[in-house]
Amino acid sequence: MSNGINHRQNEDKSIYMLAASSQIYQEA
């Protein structure tokens, strides 16, 4: 039975957070 981790990590909201974090790390 799914605990929801996979669904939540692939939501648009989560993807945008990962994208922003990756972009900032690249700039750093």
mmCIF file of all heavy atoms, coordinates in Angstrom:
data_MODEL
# 
_entry.id   MODEL 
# 
loop_
_atom_site.group_PDB 
_atom_site.id 
_atom_site.type_symbol 
_atom_site.label_atom_id 
_atom_site.label_alt_id 
_atom_site.label_comp_id 
_atom_site.label_asym_id 
_atom_site.label_entity_id 
_atom_site.label_seq_id 
_atom_site.pdbx_PDB_ins_code 
_atom_site.Cartn_x 
_atom_site.Cartn_y 
_atom_site.Cartn_z 
_atom_site.occupancy 
_atom_site.B_iso_or_equiv 
_atom_site.pdbx_formal_charge 
_atom_site.auth_seq_id 
_atom_site.auth_comp_id 
_atom_site.auth_asym_id 
_atom_site.auth_atom_id 
_atom_site.pdbx_PDB_model_num 
ATOM 1   N N   . MET A 1 1  ? 0.847  -1.201 0.000   1.00 0.00 ? 1  MET A N   1 
ATOM 2   C CA  . MET A 1 1  ? 0.000  0.000  0.000   1.00 0.00 ? 1  MET A CA  1 
ATOM 3   C C   . MET A 1 1  ? 0.880  1.248  0.000   1.00 0.00 ? 1  MET A C   1 
ATOM 4   O O   . MET A 1 1  ? 1.871  1.321  0.723   1.00 0.00 ? 1  MET A O   1 
ATOM 5   C CB  . MET A 1 1  ? -0.922 -0.003 1.228   1.00 0.00 ? 1  MET A CB  1 
ATOM 6   C CG  . MET A 1 1  ? -1.888 1.170  1.269   1.00 0.00 ? 1  MET A CG  1 
ATOM 7   S SD  . MET A 1 1  ? -3.010 1.031  2.671   1.00 0.00 ? 1  MET A SD  1 
ATOM 8   C CE  . MET A 1 1  ? -3.914 2.559  2.465   1.00 0.00 ? 1  MET A CE  1 
ATOM 9   N N   . SER A 1 2  ? 0.525  2.215  -0.806  1.00 0.00 ? 2  SER A N   1 
ATOM 10  C CA  . SER A 1 2  ? 1.326  3.428  -0.940  1.00 0.00 ? 2  SER A CA  1 
ATOM 11  C C   . SER A 1 2  ? 1.200  4.313  0.297   1.00 0.00 ? 2  SER A C   1 
ATOM 12  O O   . SER A 1 2  ? 0.129  4.461  0.870   1.00 0.00 ? 2  SER A O   1 
ATOM 13  C CB  . SER A 1 2  ? 0.863  4.204  -2.176  1.00 0.00 ? 2  SER A CB  1 
ATOM 14  O OG  . SER A 1 2  ? 1.478  5.472  -2.214  1.00 0.00 ? 2  SER A OG  1 
ATOM 15  N N   . ASN A 1 3  ? 2.323  4.909  0.696   1.00 0.00 ? 3  ASN A N   1 
ATOM 16  C CA  . ASN A 1 3  ? 2.302  5.860  1.808   1.00 0.00 ? 3  ASN A CA  1 
ATOM 17  C C   . ASN A 1 3  ? 2.201  7.301  1.319   1.00 0.00 ? 3  ASN A C   1 
ATOM 18  O O   . ASN A 1 3  ? 2.197  8.233  2.114   1.00 0.00 ? 3  ASN A O   1 
ATOM 19  C CB  . ASN A 1 3  ? 3.539  5.679  2.693   1.00 0.00 ? 3  ASN A CB  1 
ATOM 20  C CG  . ASN A 1 3  ? 4.850  5.818  1.915   1.00 0.00 ? 3  ASN A CG  1 
ATOM 21  O OD1 . ASN A 1 3  ? 4.951  6.610  0.986   1.00 0.00 ? 3  ASN A OD1 1 
ATOM 22  N ND2 . ASN A 1 3  ? 5.844  5.023  2.294   1.00 0.00 ? 3  ASN A ND2 1 
ATOM 23  N N   . GLY A 1 4  ? 2.159  7.484  0.003   1.00 0.00 ? 4  GLY A N   1 
ATOM 24  C CA  . GLY A 1 4  ? 1.963  8.806  -0.575  1.00 0.00 ? 4  GLY A CA  1 
ATOM 25  C C   . GLY A 1 4  ? 3.240  9.561  -0.914  1.00 0.00 ? 4  GLY A C   1 
ATOM 26  O O   . GLY A 1 4  ? 3.184  10.630 -1.536  1.00 0.00 ? 4  GLY A O   1 
ATOM 27  N N   . ILE A 1 5  ? 4.402  9.034  -0.538  1.00 0.00 ? 5  ILE A N   1 
ATOM 28  C CA  . ILE A 1 5  ? 5.659  9.737  -0.802  1.00 0.00 ? 5  ILE A CA  1 
ATOM 29  C C   . ILE A 1 5  ? 5.873  9.955  -2.296  1.00 0.00 ? 5  ILE A C   1 
ATOM 30  O O   . ILE A 1 5  ? 6.210  11.060 -2.744  1.00 0.00 ? 5  ILE A O   1 
ATOM 31  C CB  . ILE A 1 5  ? 6.861  8.971  -0.195  1.00 0.00 ? 5  ILE A CB  1 
ATOM 32  C CG1 . ILE A 1 5  ? 6.876  9.133  1.324   1.00 0.00 ? 5  ILE A CG1 1 
ATOM 33  C CG2 . ILE A 1 5  ? 8.185  9.478  -0.784  1.00 0.00 ? 5  ILE A CG2 1 
ATOM 34  C CD1 . ILE A 1 5  ? 8.011  8.395  2.018   1.00 0.00 ? 5  ILE A CD1 1 
ATOM 35  N N   . ASN A 1 6  ? 5.670  8.914  -3.073  1.00 0.00 ? 6  ASN A N   1 
ATOM 36  C CA  . ASN A 1 6  ? 5.916  9.023  -4.510  1.00 0.00 ? 6  ASN A CA  1 
ATOM 37  C C   . ASN A 1 6  ? 4.963  10.016 -5.173  1.00 0.00 ? 6  ASN A C   1 
ATOM 38  O O   . ASN A 1 6  ? 5.362  10.773 -6.063  1.00 0.00 ? 6  ASN A O   1 
ATOM 39  C CB  . ASN A 1 6  ? 5.778  7.649  -5.170  1.00 0.00 ? 6  ASN A CB  1 
ATOM 40  C CG  . ASN A 1 6  ? 6.339  7.626  -6.577  1.00 0.00 ? 6  ASN A CG  1 
ATOM 41  O OD1 . ASN A 1 6  ? 7.464  8.040  -6.807  1.00 0.00 ? 6  ASN A OD1 1 
ATOM 42  N ND2 . ASN A 1 6  ? 5.534  7.166  -7.528  1.00 0.00 ? 6  ASN A ND2 1 
ATOM 43  N N   . HIS A 1 7  ? 3.707  10.004 -4.739  1.00 0.00 ? 7  HIS A N   1 
ATOM 44  C CA  . HIS A 1 7  ? 2.725  10.940 -5.315  1.00 0.00 ? 7  HIS A CA  1 
ATOM 45  C C   . HIS A 1 7  ? 3.083  12.379 -4.962  1.00 0.00 ? 7  HIS A C   1 
ATOM 46  O O   . HIS A 1 7  ? 3.104  13.254 -5.840  1.00 0.00 ? 7  HIS A O   1 
ATOM 47  C CB  . HIS A 1 7  ? 1.326  10.609 -4.802  1.00 0.00 ? 7  HIS A CB  1 
ATOM 48  C CG  . HIS A 1 7  ? 0.292  11.619 -5.198  1.00 0.00 ? 7  HIS A CG  1 
ATOM 49  N ND1 . HIS A 1 7  ? -0.196 11.727 -6.485  1.00 0.00 ? 7  HIS A ND1 1 
ATOM 50  C CD2 . HIS A 1 7  ? -0.319 12.605 -4.479  1.00 0.00 ? 7  HIS A CD2 1 
ATOM 51  C CE1 . HIS A 1 7  ? -1.072 12.719 -6.552  1.00 0.00 ? 7  HIS A CE1 1 
ATOM 52  N NE2 . HIS A 1 7  ? -1.164 13.264 -5.344  1.00 0.00 ? 7  HIS A NE2 1 
ATOM 53  N N   . ARG A 1 8  ? 3.392  12.616 -3.707  1.00 0.00 ? 8  ARG A N   1 
ATOM 54  C CA  . ARG A 1 8  ? 3.681  13.987 -3.260  1.00 0.00 ? 8  ARG A CA  1 
ATOM 55  C C   . ARG A 1 8  ? 4.970  14.529 -3.870  1.00 0.00 ? 8  ARG A C   1 
ATOM 56  O O   . ARG A 1 8  ? 5.042  15.702 -4.239  1.00 0.00 ? 8  ARG A O   1 
ATOM 57  C CB  . ARG A 1 8  ? 3.735  14.041 -1.732  1.00 0.00 ? 8  ARG A CB  1 
ATOM 58  C CG  . ARG A 1 8  ? 2.378  13.907 -1.056  1.00 0.00 ? 8  ARG A CG  1 
ATOM 59  C CD  . ARG A 1 8  ? 2.474  14.199 0.435   1.00 0.00 ? 8  ARG A CD  1 
ATOM 60  N NE  . ARG A 1 8  ? 3.244  13.169 1.128   1.00 0.00 ? 8  ARG A NE  1 
ATOM 61  C CZ  . ARG A 1 8  ? 2.749  12.030 1.609   1.00 0.00 ? 8  ARG A CZ  1 
ATOM 62  N NH1 . ARG A 1 8  ? 1.453  11.754 1.443   1.00 0.00 ? 8  ARG A NH1 1 
ATOM 63  N NH2 . ARG A 1 8  ? 3.515  11.162 2.242   1.00 0.00 ? 8  ARG A NH2 1 
ATOM 64  N N   . GLN A 1 9  ? 6.001  13.684 -4.005  1.00 0.00 ? 9  GLN A N   1 
ATOM 65  C CA  . GLN A 1 9  ? 7.273  14.177 -4.545  1.00 0.00 ? 9  GLN A CA  1 
ATOM 66  C C   . GLN A 1 9  ? 7.184  14.507 -6.032  1.00 0.00 ? 9  GLN A C   1 
ATOM 67  O O   . GLN A 1 9  ? 8.031  15.232 -6.552  1.00 0.00 ? 9  GLN A O   1 
ATOM 68  C CB  . GLN A 1 9  ? 8.380  13.145 -4.308  1.00 0.00 ? 9  GLN A CB  1 
ATOM 69  C CG  . GLN A 1 9  ? 8.320  11.921 -5.190  1.00 0.00 ? 9  GLN A CG  1 
ATOM 70  C CD  . GLN A 1 9  ? 9.556  11.039 -5.046  1.00 0.00 ? 9  GLN A CD  1 
ATOM 71  O OE1 . GLN A 1 9  ? 10.558 11.441 -4.445  1.00 0.00 ? 9  GLN A OE1 1 
ATOM 72  N NE2 . GLN A 1 9  ? 9.491  9.833  -5.585  1.00 0.00 ? 9  GLN A NE2 1 
ATOM 73  N N   . ASN A 1 10 ? 6.157  13.976 -6.716  1.00 0.00 ? 10 ASN A N   1 
ATOM 74  C CA  . ASN A 1 10 ? 6.013  14.223 -8.149  1.00 0.00 ? 10 ASN A CA  1 
ATOM 75  C C   . ASN A 1 10 ? 4.925  15.240 -8.483  1.00 0.00 ? 10 ASN A C   1 
ATOM 76  O O   . ASN A 1 10 ? 4.642  15.476 -9.662  1.00 0.00 ? 10 ASN A O   1 
ATOM 77  C CB  . ASN A 1 10 ? 5.735  12.909 -8.880  1.00 0.00 ? 10 ASN A CB  1 
ATOM 78  C CG  . ASN A 1 10 ? 6.962  12.014 -8.923  1.00 0.00 ? 10 ASN A CG  1 
ATOM 79  O OD1 . ASN A 1 10 ? 8.076  12.490 -9.075  1.00 0.00 ? 10 ASN A OD1 1 
ATOM 80  N ND2 . ASN A 1 10 ? 6.757  10.715 -8.786  1.00 0.00 ? 10 ASN A ND2 1 
ATOM 81  N N   . GLU A 1 11 ? 4.314  15.836 -7.463  1.00 0.00 ? 11 GLU A N   1 
ATOM 82  C CA  . GLU A 1 11 ? 3.338  16.902 -7.714  1.00 0.00 ? 11 GLU A CA  1 
ATOM 83  C C   . GLU A 1 11 ? 4.064  18.130 -8.275  1.00 0.00 ? 11 GLU A C   1 
ATOM 84  O O   . GLU A 1 11 ? 5.256  18.328 -8.039  1.00 0.00 ? 11 GLU A O   1 
ATOM 85  C CB  . GLU A 1 11 ? 2.617  17.281 -6.419  1.00 0.00 ? 11 GLU A CB  1 
ATOM 86  C CG  . GLU A 1 11 ? 1.669  16.207 -5.899  1.00 0.00 ? 11 GLU A CG  1 
ATOM 87  C CD  . GLU A 1 11 ? 0.972  16.642 -4.623  1.00 0.00 ? 11 GLU A CD  1 
ATOM 88  O OE1 . GLU A 1 11 ? 1.153  17.816 -4.211  1.00 0.00 ? 11 GLU A OE1 1 
ATOM 89  O OE2 . GLU A 1 11 ? 0.263  15.818 -4.034  1.00 0.00 ? 11 GLU A OE2 1 
ATOM 90  N N   . ASP A 1 12 ? 3.334  18.953 -9.015  1.00 0.00 ? 12 ASP A N   1 
ATOM 91  C CA  . ASP A 1 12 ? 3.938  20.159 -9.599  1.00 0.00 ? 12 ASP A CA  1 
ATOM 92  C C   . ASP A 1 12 ? 4.564  21.041 -8.528  1.00 0.00 ? 12 ASP A C   1 
ATOM 93  O O   . ASP A 1 12 ? 5.650  21.617 -8.729  1.00 0.00 ? 12 ASP A O   1 
ATOM 94  C CB  . ASP A 1 12 ? 2.883  20.958 -10.366 1.00 0.00 ? 12 ASP A CB  1 
ATOM 95  C CG  . ASP A 1 12 ? 2.553  20.324 -11.716 1.00 0.00 ? 12 ASP A CG  1 
ATOM 96  O OD1 . ASP A 1 12 ? 3.326  19.457 -12.162 1.00 0.00 ? 12 ASP A OD1 1 
ATOM 97  O OD2 . ASP A 1 12 ? 1.536  20.704 -12.311 1.00 0.00 ? 12 ASP A OD2 1 
ATOM 98  N N   . LYS A 1 13 ? 3.888  21.151 -7.403  1.00 0.00 ? 13 LYS A N   1 
ATOM 99  C CA  . LYS A 1 13 ? 4.400  21.967 -6.301  1.00 0.00 ? 13 LYS A CA  1 
ATOM 100 C C   . LYS A 1 13 ? 5.787  21.492 -5.882  1.00 0.00 ? 13 LYS A C   1 
ATOM 101 O O   . LYS A 1 13 ? 6.704  22.309 -5.686  1.00 0.00 ? 13 LYS A O   1 
ATOM 102 C CB  . LYS A 1 13 ? 3.436  21.874 -5.115  1.00 0.00 ? 13 LYS A CB  1 
ATOM 103 C CG  . LYS A 1 13 ? 3.936  22.522 -3.839  1.00 0.00 ? 13 LYS A CG  1 
ATOM 104 C CD  . LYS A 1 13 ? 2.935  22.327 -2.704  1.00 0.00 ? 13 LYS A CD  1 
ATOM 105 C CE  . LYS A 1 13 ? 3.473  22.899 -1.399  1.00 0.00 ? 13 LYS A CE  1 
ATOM 106 N NZ  . LYS A 1 13 ? 2.499  22.732 -0.292  1.00 0.00 ? 13 LYS A NZ  1 
ATOM 107 N N   . SER A 1 14 ? 5.961  20.196 -5.767  1.00 0.00 ? 14 SER A N   1 
ATOM 108 C CA  . SER A 1 14 ? 7.241  19.625 -5.347  1.00 0.00 ? 14 SER A CA  1 
ATOM 109 C C   . SER A 1 14 ? 8.303  19.793 -6.437  1.00 0.00 ? 14 SER A C   1 
ATOM 110 O O   . SER A 1 14 ? 9.474  20.108 -6.147  1.00 0.00 ? 14 SER A O   1 
ATOM 111 C CB  . SER A 1 14 ? 7.075  18.140 -5.011  1.00 0.00 ? 14 SER A CB  1 
ATOM 112 O OG  . SER A 1 14 ? 6.173  17.964 -3.952  1.00 0.00 ? 14 SER A OG  1 
ATOM 113 N N   . ILE A 1 15 ? 7.905  19.578 -7.678  1.00 0.00 ? 15 ILE A N   1 
ATOM 114 C CA  . ILE A 1 15 ? 8.848  19.712 -8.794  1.00 0.00 ? 15 ILE A CA  1 
ATOM 115 C C   . ILE A 1 15 ? 9.371  21.139 -8.878  1.00 0.00 ? 15 ILE A C   1 
ATOM 116 O O   . ILE A 1 15 ? 10.571 21.369 -9.124  1.00 0.00 ? 15 ILE A O   1 
ATOM 117 C CB  . ILE A 1 15 ? 8.183  19.305 -10.120 1.00 0.00 ? 15 ILE A CB  1 
ATOM 118 C CG1 . ILE A 1 15 ? 7.788  17.820 -10.095 1.00 0.00 ? 15 ILE A CG1 1 
ATOM 119 C CG2 . ILE A 1 15 ? 9.114  19.589 -11.293 1.00 0.00 ? 15 ILE A CG2 1 
ATOM 120 C CD1 . ILE A 1 15 ? 8.948  16.869 -9.948  1.00 0.00 ? 15 ILE A CD1 1 
ATOM 121 N N   . TYR A 1 16 ? 8.494  22.120 -8.639  1.00 0.00 ? 16 TYR A N   1 
ATOM 122 C CA  . TYR A 1 16 ? 8.924  23.519 -8.672  1.00 0.00 ? 16 TYR A CA  1 
ATOM 123 C C   . TYR A 1 16 ? 9.916  23.818 -7.547  1.00 0.00 ? 16 TYR A C   1 
ATOM 124 O O   . TYR A 1 16 ? 10.874 24.585 -7.740  1.00 0.00 ? 16 TYR A O   1 
ATOM 125 C CB  . TYR A 1 16 ? 7.722  24.461 -8.578  1.00 0.00 ? 16 TYR A CB  1 
ATOM 126 C CG  . TYR A 1 16 ? 6.914  24.532 -9.848  1.00 0.00 ? 16 TYR A CG  1 
ATOM 127 C CD1 . TYR A 1 16 ? 5.528  24.392 -9.840  1.00 0.00 ? 16 TYR A CD1 1 
ATOM 128 C CD2 . TYR A 1 16 ? 7.539  24.737 -11.072 1.00 0.00 ? 16 TYR A CD2 1 
ATOM 129 C CE1 . TYR A 1 16 ? 4.792  24.453 -11.009 1.00 0.00 ? 16 TYR A CE1 1 
ATOM 130 C CE2 . TYR A 1 16 ? 6.810  24.796 -12.245 1.00 0.00 ? 16 TYR A CE2 1 
ATOM 131 C CZ  . TYR A 1 16 ? 5.429  24.655 -12.213 1.00 0.00 ? 16 TYR A CZ  1 
ATOM 132 O OH  . TYR A 1 16 ? 4.701  24.712 -13.383 1.00 0.00 ? 16 TYR A OH  1 
ATOM 133 N N   . MET A 1 17 ? 9.677  23.226 -6.378  1.00 0.00 ? 17 MET A N   1 
ATOM 134 C CA  . MET A 1 17 ? 10.613 23.429 -5.270  1.00 0.00 ? 17 MET A CA  1 
ATOM 135 C C   . MET A 1 17 ? 11.976 22.829 -5.600  1.00 0.00 ? 17 MET A C   1 
ATOM 136 O O   . MET A 1 17 ? 13.017 23.440 -5.344  1.00 0.00 ? 17 MET A O   1 
ATOM 137 C CB  . MET A 1 17 ? 10.047 22.823 -3.981  1.00 0.00 ? 17 MET A CB  1 
ATOM 138 C CG  . MET A 1 17 ? 8.957  23.657 -3.334  1.00 0.00 ? 17 MET A CG  1 
ATOM 139 S SD  . MET A 1 17 ? 8.494  23.111 -1.672  1.00 0.00 ? 17 MET A SD  1 
ATOM 140 C CE  . MET A 1 17 ? 7.430  21.710 -2.050  1.00 0.00 ? 17 MET A CE  1 
ATOM 141 N N   . LEU A 1 18 ? 11.987 21.634 -6.165  1.00 0.00 ? 18 LEU A N   1 
ATOM 142 C CA  . LEU A 1 18 ? 13.245 20.991 -6.539  1.00 0.00 ? 18 LEU A CA  1 
ATOM 143 C C   . LEU A 1 18 ? 13.964 21.787 -7.629  1.00 0.00 ? 18 LEU A C   1 
ATOM 144 O O   . LEU A 1 18 ? 15.192 21.929 -7.601  1.00 0.00 ? 18 LEU A O   1 
ATOM 145 C CB  . LEU A 1 18 ? 12.982 19.571 -7.031  1.00 0.00 ? 18 LEU A CB  1 
ATOM 146 C CG  . LEU A 1 18 ? 12.558 18.546 -5.971  1.00 0.00 ? 18 LEU A CG  1 
ATOM 147 C CD1 . LEU A 1 18 ? 12.202 17.223 -6.633  1.00 0.00 ? 18 LEU A CD1 1 
ATOM 148 C CD2 . LEU A 1 18 ? 13.674 18.336 -4.948  1.00 0.00 ? 18 LEU A CD2 1 
ATOM 149 N N   . ALA A 1 19 ? 13.193 22.305 -8.575  1.00 0.00 ? 19 ALA A N   1 
ATOM 150 C CA  . ALA A 1 19 ? 13.783 23.096 -9.658  1.00 0.00 ? 19 ALA A CA  1 
ATOM 151 C C   . ALA A 1 19 ? 14.417 24.372 -9.117  1.00 0.00 ? 19 ALA A C   1 
ATOM 152 O O   . ALA A 1 19 ? 15.537 24.744 -9.503  1.00 0.00 ? 19 ALA A O   1 
ATOM 153 C CB  . ALA A 1 19 ? 12.715 23.437 -10.695 1.00 0.00 ? 19 ALA A CB  1 
ATOM 154 N N   . ALA A 1 20 ? 13.707 25.057 -8.217  1.00 0.00 ? 20 ALA A N   1 
ATOM 155 C CA  . ALA A 1 20 ? 14.235 26.299 -7.635  1.00 0.00 ? 20 ALA A CA  1 
ATOM 156 C C   . ALA A 1 20 ? 15.494 26.021 -6.827  1.00 0.00 ? 20 ALA A C   1 
ATOM 157 O O   . ALA A 1 20 ? 16.490 26.754 -6.935  1.00 0.00 ? 20 ALA A O   1 
ATOM 158 C CB  . ALA A 1 20 ? 13.169 26.938 -6.744  1.00 0.00 ? 20 ALA A CB  1 
ATOM 159 N N   . SER A 1 21 ? 15.460 24.965 -6.029  1.00 0.00 ? 21 SER A N   1 
ATOM 160 C CA  . SER A 1 21 ? 16.626 24.609 -5.222  1.00 0.00 ? 21 SER A CA  1 
ATOM 161 C C   . SER A 1 21 ? 17.824 24.279 -6.106  1.00 0.00 ? 21 SER A C   1 
ATOM 162 O O   . SER A 1 21 ? 18.947 24.745 -5.845  1.00 0.00 ? 21 SER A O   1 
ATOM 163 C CB  . SER A 1 21 ? 16.293 23.410 -4.325  1.00 0.00 ? 21 SER A CB  1 
ATOM 164 O OG  . SER A 1 21 ? 17.404 23.021 -3.569  1.00 0.00 ? 21 SER A OG  1 
ATOM 165 N N   . SER A 1 22 ? 17.607 23.523 -7.161  1.00 0.00 ? 22 SER A N   1 
ATOM 166 C CA  . SER A 1 22 ? 18.683 23.151 -8.079  1.00 0.00 ? 22 SER A CA  1 
ATOM 167 C C   . SER A 1 22 ? 19.258 24.377 -8.778  1.00 0.00 ? 22 SER A C   1 
ATOM 168 O O   . SER A 1 22 ? 20.470 24.500 -8.953  1.00 0.00 ? 22 SER A O   1 
ATOM 169 C CB  . SER A 1 22 ? 18.171 22.149 -9.122  1.00 0.00 ? 22 SER A CB  1 
ATOM 170 O OG  . SER A 1 22 ? 17.741 20.955 -8.516  1.00 0.00 ? 22 SER A OG  1 
ATOM 171 N N   . GLN A 1 23 ? 18.367 25.290 -9.197  1.00 0.00 ? 23 GLN A N   1 
ATOM 172 C CA  . GLN A 1 23 ? 18.811 26.511 -9.876  1.00 0.00 ? 23 GLN A CA  1 
ATOM 173 C C   . GLN A 1 23 ? 19.682 27.368 -8.953  1.00 0.00 ? 23 GLN A C   1 
ATOM 174 O O   . GLN A 1 23 ? 20.727 27.890 -9.368  1.00 0.00 ? 23 GLN A O   1 
ATOM 175 C CB  . GLN A 1 23 ? 17.595 27.314 -10.338 1.00 0.00 ? 23 GLN A CB  1 
ATOM 176 C CG  . GLN A 1 23 ? 17.915 28.662 -10.962 1.00 0.00 ? 23 GLN A CG  1 
ATOM 177 C CD  . GLN A 1 23 ? 18.699 28.544 -12.259 1.00 0.00 ? 23 GLN A CD  1 
ATOM 178 O OE1 . GLN A 1 23 ? 18.592 27.546 -12.954 1.00 0.00 ? 23 GLN A OE1 1 
ATOM 179 N NE2 . GLN A 1 23 ? 19.467 29.564 -12.595 1.00 0.00 ? 23 GLN A NE2 1 
ATOM 180 N N   . ILE A 1 24 ? 19.256 27.507 -7.704  1.00 0.00 ? 24 ILE A N   1 
ATOM 181 C CA  . ILE A 1 24 ? 20.012 28.329 -6.756  1.00 0.00 ? 24 ILE A CA  1 
ATOM 182 C C   . ILE A 1 24 ? 21.371 27.704 -6.462  1.00 0.00 ? 24 ILE A C   1 
ATOM 183 O O   . ILE A 1 24 ? 22.390 28.396 -6.379  1.00 0.00 ? 24 ILE A O   1 
ATOM 184 C CB  . ILE A 1 24 ? 19.213 28.525 -5.454  1.00 0.00 ? 24 ILE A CB  1 
ATOM 185 C CG1 . ILE A 1 24 ? 17.931 29.324 -5.749  1.00 0.00 ? 24 ILE A CG1 1 
ATOM 186 C CG2 . ILE A 1 24 ? 20.048 29.268 -4.414  1.00 0.00 ? 24 ILE A CG2 1 
ATOM 187 C CD1 . ILE A 1 24 ? 16.972 29.403 -4.590  1.00 0.00 ? 24 ILE A CD1 1 
ATOM 188 N N   . TYR A 1 25 ? 21.401 26.371 -6.332  1.00 0.00 ? 25 TYR A N   1 
ATOM 189 C CA  . TYR A 1 25 ? 22.681 25.691 -6.107  1.00 0.00 ? 25 TYR A CA  1 
ATOM 190 C C   . TYR A 1 25 ? 23.609 25.869 -7.321  1.00 0.00 ? 25 TYR A C   1 
ATOM 191 O O   . TYR A 1 25 ? 24.818 26.006 -7.167  1.00 0.00 ? 25 TYR A O   1 
ATOM 192 C CB  . TYR A 1 25 ? 22.456 24.207 -5.835  1.00 0.00 ? 25 TYR A CB  1 
ATOM 193 C CG  . TYR A 1 25 ? 22.175 23.879 -4.387  1.00 0.00 ? 25 TYR A CG  1 
ATOM 194 C CD1 . TYR A 1 25 ? 21.068 23.121 -4.019  1.00 0.00 ? 25 TYR A CD1 1 
ATOM 195 C CD2 . TYR A 1 25 ? 23.036 24.317 -3.382  1.00 0.00 ? 25 TYR A CD2 1 
ATOM 196 C CE1 . TYR A 1 25 ? 20.812 22.823 -2.682  1.00 0.00 ? 25 TYR A CE1 1 
ATOM 197 C CE2 . TYR A 1 25 ? 22.780 24.026 -2.047  1.00 0.00 ? 25 TYR A CE2 1 
ATOM 198 C CZ  . TYR A 1 25 ? 21.673 23.275 -1.706  1.00 0.00 ? 25 TYR A CZ  1 
ATOM 199 O OH  . TYR A 1 25 ? 21.426 22.986 -0.380  1.00 0.00 ? 25 TYR A OH  1 
ATOM 200 N N   . GLN A 1 26 ? 23.042 25.849 -8.515  1.00 0.00 ? 26 GLN A N   1 
ATOM 201 C CA  . GLN A 1 26 ? 23.847 26.070 -9.722  1.00 0.00 ? 26 GLN A CA  1 
ATOM 202 C C   . GLN A 1 26 ? 24.432 27.480 -9.726  1.00 0.00 ? 26 GLN A C   1 
ATOM 203 O O   . GLN A 1 26 ? 25.599 27.678 -10.096 1.00 0.00 ? 26 GLN A O   1 
ATOM 204 C CB  . GLN A 1 26 ? 22.996 25.843 -10.969 1.00 0.00 ? 26 GLN A CB  1 
ATOM 205 C CG  . GLN A 1 26 ? 22.667 24.387 -11.252 1.00 0.00 ? 26 GLN A CG  1 
ATOM 206 C CD  . GLN A 1 26 ? 21.785 24.213 -12.478 1.00 0.00 ? 26 GLN A CD  1 
ATOM 207 O OE1 . GLN A 1 26 ? 21.520 25.170 -13.211 1.00 0.00 ? 26 GLN A OE1 1 
ATOM 208 N NE2 . GLN A 1 26 ? 21.297 23.007 -12.700 1.00 0.00 ? 26 GLN A NE2 1 
ATOM 209 N N   . GLU A 1 27 ? 23.626 28.461 -9.337  1.00 0.00 ? 27 GLU A N   1 
ATOM 210 C CA  . GLU A 1 27 ? 24.109 29.836 -9.275  1.00 0.00 ? 27 GLU A CA  1 
ATOM 211 C C   . GLU A 1 27 ? 25.221 29.974 -8.232  1.00 0.00 ? 27 GLU A C   1 
ATOM 212 O O   . GLU A 1 27 ? 26.221 30.673 -8.457  1.00 0.00 ? 27 GLU A O   1 
ATOM 213 C CB  . GLU A 1 27 ? 22.947 30.780 -8.944  1.00 0.00 ? 27 GLU A CB  1 
ATOM 214 C CG  . GLU A 1 27 ? 21.924 30.880 -10.059 1.00 0.00 ? 27 GLU A CG  1 
ATOM 215 C CD  . GLU A 1 27 ? 20.701 31.710 -9.663  1.00 0.00 ? 27 GLU A CD  1 
ATOM 216 O OE1 . GLU A 1 27 ? 20.684 32.200 -8.511  1.00 0.00 ? 27 GLU A OE1 1 
ATOM 217 O OE2 . GLU A 1 27 ? 19.788 31.864 -10.498 1.00 0.00 ? 27 GLU A OE2 1 
ATOM 218 N N   . ALA A 1 28 ? 25.048 29.308 -7.091  1.00 0.00 ? 28 ALA A N   1 
ATOM 219 C CA  . ALA A 1 28 ? 26.075 29.333 -6.057  1.00 0.00 ? 28 ALA A CA  1 
ATOM 220 C C   . ALA A 1 28 ? 27.357 28.671 -6.556  1.00 0.00 ? 28 ALA A C   1 
ATOM 221 O O   . ALA A 1 28 ? 28.468 29.141 -6.260  1.00 0.00 ? 28 ALA A O   1 
ATOM 222 C CB  . ALA A 1 28 ? 25.570 28.620 -4.805  1.00 0.00 ? 28 ALA A CB  1 
# 
